[in-house]
Amino acid sequence: MSIPNLITLGRILLVPIVVWAITSGEMRVAFLLFLAAGISDAVDGFLAKRFHMASELGAYLDPLADKALIVSIYVSLGIAGGLPIFLVILVVSRDIMIIGAFMLSWLVGKPMPARPLLISKVNTVAQIVLATLVLAEQGFGFDADVLSKLTMALVAILTLLSIAFYLAEWVRHMNSFGAGH
């Protein structure tokens, strides 16, 4: 168990605390914990690369920790009224669809390589920016209504594009096995 993996596990353990903070209306605490999670993500990535501590476990744990945190924050903010429910459903459904498609391809003996698409990386950044903005807005009482709405629209568009690109990639992958693989 390397230091980067321990840091990642710590980020996973933060998830229920962040959920508690959001659903209890402790938005400043939630914001600070989310900030700490973001910093820990950067630190564990830096340590893994710089000191050659990358591991197969870390390659699975890190994105799992990121998704657990983002999905939990979106669901919690939806429950607390900080994000519209349609956006929460869209973000969570996208992740379920992608996981389902990867599992299905694996179950039928046509496993897909797990590499994130560029649109997915951009989408994740937008999701993080929106969560940070909403937590900061609610935790510190400033008005970023226009910026929040624009960022919500951007997240919705990028999430829909990400679904479309992953679906196209999955269909292409699954069809390629019928043609001589």
Protein backbone atom coordinates (compact mmCIF):
# COMPACT_ATOMS: atom_id res chain seq x y z
CA MET A 1 0.00 0.00 0.00
CA SER A 2 1.83 3.07 -1.29
CA ILE A 3 1.49 6.63 0.02
CA PRO A 4 -0.50 7.77 -3.06
CA ASN A 5 -2.93 4.87 -2.55
CA LEU A 6 -3.34 5.76 1.13
CA ILE A 7 -4.09 9.36 0.14
CA THR A 8 -6.65 8.10 -2.38
CA LEU A 9 -8.27 5.91 0.29
CA GLY A 10 -8.44 8.97 2.52
CA ARG A 11 -10.29 10.78 -0.28
CA ILE A 12 -12.77 7.90 -0.48
CA LEU A 13 -13.28 8.11 3.30
CA LEU A 14 -14.07 11.84 2.93
CA VAL A 15 -17.12 11.05 0.78
CA PRO A 16 -19.61 10.30 3.59
CA ILE A 17 -18.35 13.30 5.58
CA VAL A 18 -18.89 15.62 2.59
CA VAL A 19 -22.37 14.12 2.06
CA TRP A 20 -23.16 14.73 5.74
CA ALA A 21 -21.87 18.31 5.52
CA ILE A 22 -23.97 19.14 2.45
CA THR A 23 -27.16 17.50 3.71
CA SER A 24 -26.71 19.16 7.11
CA GLY A 25 -26.35 22.58 5.51
CA GLU A 26 -22.68 22.86 6.51
CA MET A 27 -21.65 24.21 3.11
CA ARG A 28 -18.42 25.85 4.31
CA VAL A 29 -17.29 22.53 5.78
CA ALA A 30 -18.32 20.76 2.55
CA PHE A 31 -16.44 23.34 0.46
CA LEU A 32 -13.27 22.98 2.55
CA LEU A 33 -13.44 19.17 2.46
CA PHE A 34 -14.00 19.24 -1.32
CA LEU A 35 -11.02 21.56 -1.63
CA ALA A 36 -8.94 19.19 0.51
CA ALA A 37 -10.05 16.27 -1.68
CA GLY A 38 -8.97 18.17 -4.80
CA ILE A 39 -5.60 18.98 -3.29
CA SER A 40 -5.14 15.36 -2.18
CA ASP A 41 -5.95 14.21 -5.73
CA ALA A 42 -3.21 16.46 -7.10
CA VAL A 43 -0.75 15.36 -4.38
CA ASP A 44 -1.31 11.63 -4.87
CA GLY A 45 -0.98 12.03 -8.65
CA PHE A 46 2.22 14.04 -8.25
CA LEU A 47 3.74 11.51 -5.82
CA ALA A 48 2.77 8.55 -8.02
CA LYS A 49 4.39 10.11 -11.11
CA ARG A 50 7.37 11.93 -9.59
CA PHE A 51 8.53 9.14 -7.30
CA HIS A 52 7.47 6.22 -9.51
CA MET A 53 4.85 5.06 -7.00
CA ALA A 54 2.16 4.42 -9.60
CA SER A 55 0.44 1.07 -9.17
CA GLU A 56 -2.29 -0.98 -10.79
CA LEU A 57 -4.38 -0.58 -7.64
CA GLY A 58 -3.93 3.20 -7.81
CA ALA A 59 -4.96 3.21 -11.47
CA TYR A 60 -8.33 1.77 -10.38
CA LEU A 61 -8.69 3.52 -7.00
CA ASP A 62 -8.02 7.09 -8.17
CA PRO A 63 -10.83 7.37 -10.75
CA LEU A 64 -13.12 5.45 -8.38
CA ALA A 65 -12.42 8.00 -5.64
CA ASP A 66 -13.00 10.88 -8.05
CA LYS A 67 -16.31 9.47 -9.29
CA ALA A 68 -17.51 8.55 -5.78
CA LEU A 69 -16.84 12.11 -4.65
CA ILE A 70 -18.39 13.87 -7.65
CA VAL A 71 -21.48 11.64 -7.81
CA SER A 72 -22.01 11.92 -4.05
CA ILE A 73 -21.66 15.69 -4.12
CA TYR A 74 -24.07 16.03 -7.04
CA VAL A 75 -26.68 13.78 -5.39
CA SER A 76 -26.27 15.62 -2.07
CA LEU A 77 -26.51 19.04 -3.71
CA GLY A 78 -29.59 17.85 -5.60
CA ILE A 79 -31.22 16.74 -2.33
CA ALA A 80 -30.20 20.01 -0.64
CA GLY A 81 -31.61 22.07 -3.52
CA GLY A 82 -28.24 23.38 -4.71
CA LEU A 83 -28.42 21.68 -8.11
CA PRO A 84 -31.43 20.97 -10.31
CA ILE A 85 -32.54 17.33 -10.13
CA PHE A 86 -32.45 16.93 -13.93
CA LEU A 87 -28.72 17.72 -13.90
CA VAL A 88 -28.05 15.29 -11.05
CA ILE A 89 -29.94 12.54 -12.90
CA LEU A 90 -28.03 13.31 -16.11
CA VAL A 91 -24.59 13.23 -14.45
CA VAL A 92 -25.29 10.08 -12.44
CA SER A 93 -27.00 8.29 -15.36
CA ARG A 94 -24.02 8.98 -17.62
CA ASP A 95 -21.67 7.27 -15.17
CA ILE A 96 -24.04 4.32 -14.74
CA MET A 97 -24.35 3.96 -18.54
CA ILE A 98 -20.59 4.02 -19.04
CA ILE A 99 -19.96 1.49 -16.26
CA GLY A 100 -22.77 -0.69 -17.60
CA ALA A 101 -21.38 -0.59 -21.14
CA PHE A 102 -17.88 -1.52 -19.94
CA MET A 103 -19.27 -4.36 -17.82
CA LEU A 104 -21.43 -5.64 -20.68
CA SER A 105 -18.50 -5.60 -23.12
CA TRP A 106 -16.43 -7.51 -20.56
CA LEU A 107 -19.21 -10.05 -19.86
CA VAL A 108 -19.62 -10.87 -23.56
CA GLY A 109 -15.87 -11.35 -23.96
CA LYS A 110 -15.19 -8.09 -25.79
CA PRO A 111 -13.60 -5.97 -23.05
CA MET A 112 -13.01 -2.32 -23.86
CA PRO A 113 -9.83 -0.58 -22.81
CA ALA A 114 -10.65 1.81 -19.96
CA ARG A 115 -9.28 5.07 -21.28
CA PRO A 116 -11.16 8.30 -20.73
CA LEU A 117 -12.08 10.33 -23.78
CA LEU A 118 -11.01 13.99 -24.01
CA ILE A 119 -14.66 15.11 -23.83
CA SER A 120 -14.96 13.11 -20.60
CA LYS A 121 -11.94 14.85 -19.07
CA VAL A 122 -13.33 18.27 -20.02
CA ASN A 123 -16.73 17.24 -18.64
CA THR A 124 -15.16 16.18 -15.33
CA VAL A 125 -13.38 19.53 -15.01
CA ALA A 126 -16.67 21.35 -15.67
CA GLN A 127 -18.45 19.17 -13.08
CA ILE A 128 -15.77 19.96 -10.50
CA VAL A 129 -15.93 23.69 -11.29
CA LEU A 130 -19.72 23.65 -10.89
CA ALA A 131 -19.60 21.74 -7.59
CA THR A 132 -16.93 24.10 -6.26
CA LEU A 133 -18.91 27.15 -7.38
CA VAL A 134 -22.18 25.96 -5.82
CA LEU A 135 -20.50 24.94 -2.55
CA ALA A 136 -18.64 28.26 -2.36
CA GLU A 137 -21.75 30.24 -3.27
CA GLN A 138 -23.84 28.53 -0.58
CA GLY A 139 -21.08 28.32 2.00
CA PHE A 140 -19.92 31.91 1.77
CA GLY A 141 -23.17 33.59 0.71
CA PHE A 142 -22.11 35.30 -2.49
CA ASP A 143 -24.25 35.57 -5.60
CA ALA A 144 -22.89 33.86 -8.70
CA ASP A 145 -26.32 33.06 -10.14
CA VAL A 146 -25.50 33.86 -13.78
CA LEU A 147 -22.15 32.05 -13.64
CA SER A 148 -23.78 29.07 -11.89
CA LYS A 149 -26.50 28.81 -14.53
CA LEU A 150 -23.98 29.07 -17.37
CA THR A 151 -21.79 26.41 -15.76
CA MET A 152 -24.85 24.16 -15.23
CA ALA A 153 -25.71 24.51 -18.92
CA LEU A 154 -22.11 23.72 -19.86
CA VAL A 155 -22.10 20.61 -17.63
CA ALA A 156 -25.40 19.44 -19.16
CA ILE A 157 -24.11 19.91 -22.73
CA LEU A 158 -20.74 18.29 -22.01
CA THR A 159 -22.43 15.38 -20.22
CA LEU A 160 -24.73 14.77 -23.21
CA LEU A 161 -21.76 14.99 -25.60
CA SER A 162 -19.79 12.61 -23.41
CA ILE A 163 -22.66 10.09 -23.49
CA ALA A 164 -22.84 10.37 -27.27
CA PHE A 165 -19.07 9.93 -27.74
CA TYR A 166 -18.85 6.98 -25.35
CA LEU A 167 -21.87 5.34 -26.98
CA ALA A 168 -20.32 5.78 -30.44
CA GLU A 169 -17.00 4.40 -29.17
CA TRP A 170 -18.75 1.44 -27.53
CA VAL A 171 -20.79 0.61 -30.66
CA ARG A 172 -17.65 0.88 -32.82
CA HIS A 173 -15.75 -1.37 -30.42
CA MET A 174 -18.51 -3.97 -30.21
CA ASN A 175 -18.98 -4.01 -34.01
CA SER A 176 -15.23 -4.36 -34.63
CA PHE A 177 -15.31 -7.81 -33.03
CA GLY A 178 -17.70 -9.09 -35.66
CA ALA A 179 -15.25 -8.09 -38.41
CA GLY A 180 -12.44 -10.55 -37.95
CA HIS A 181 -11.52 -10.22 -34.26
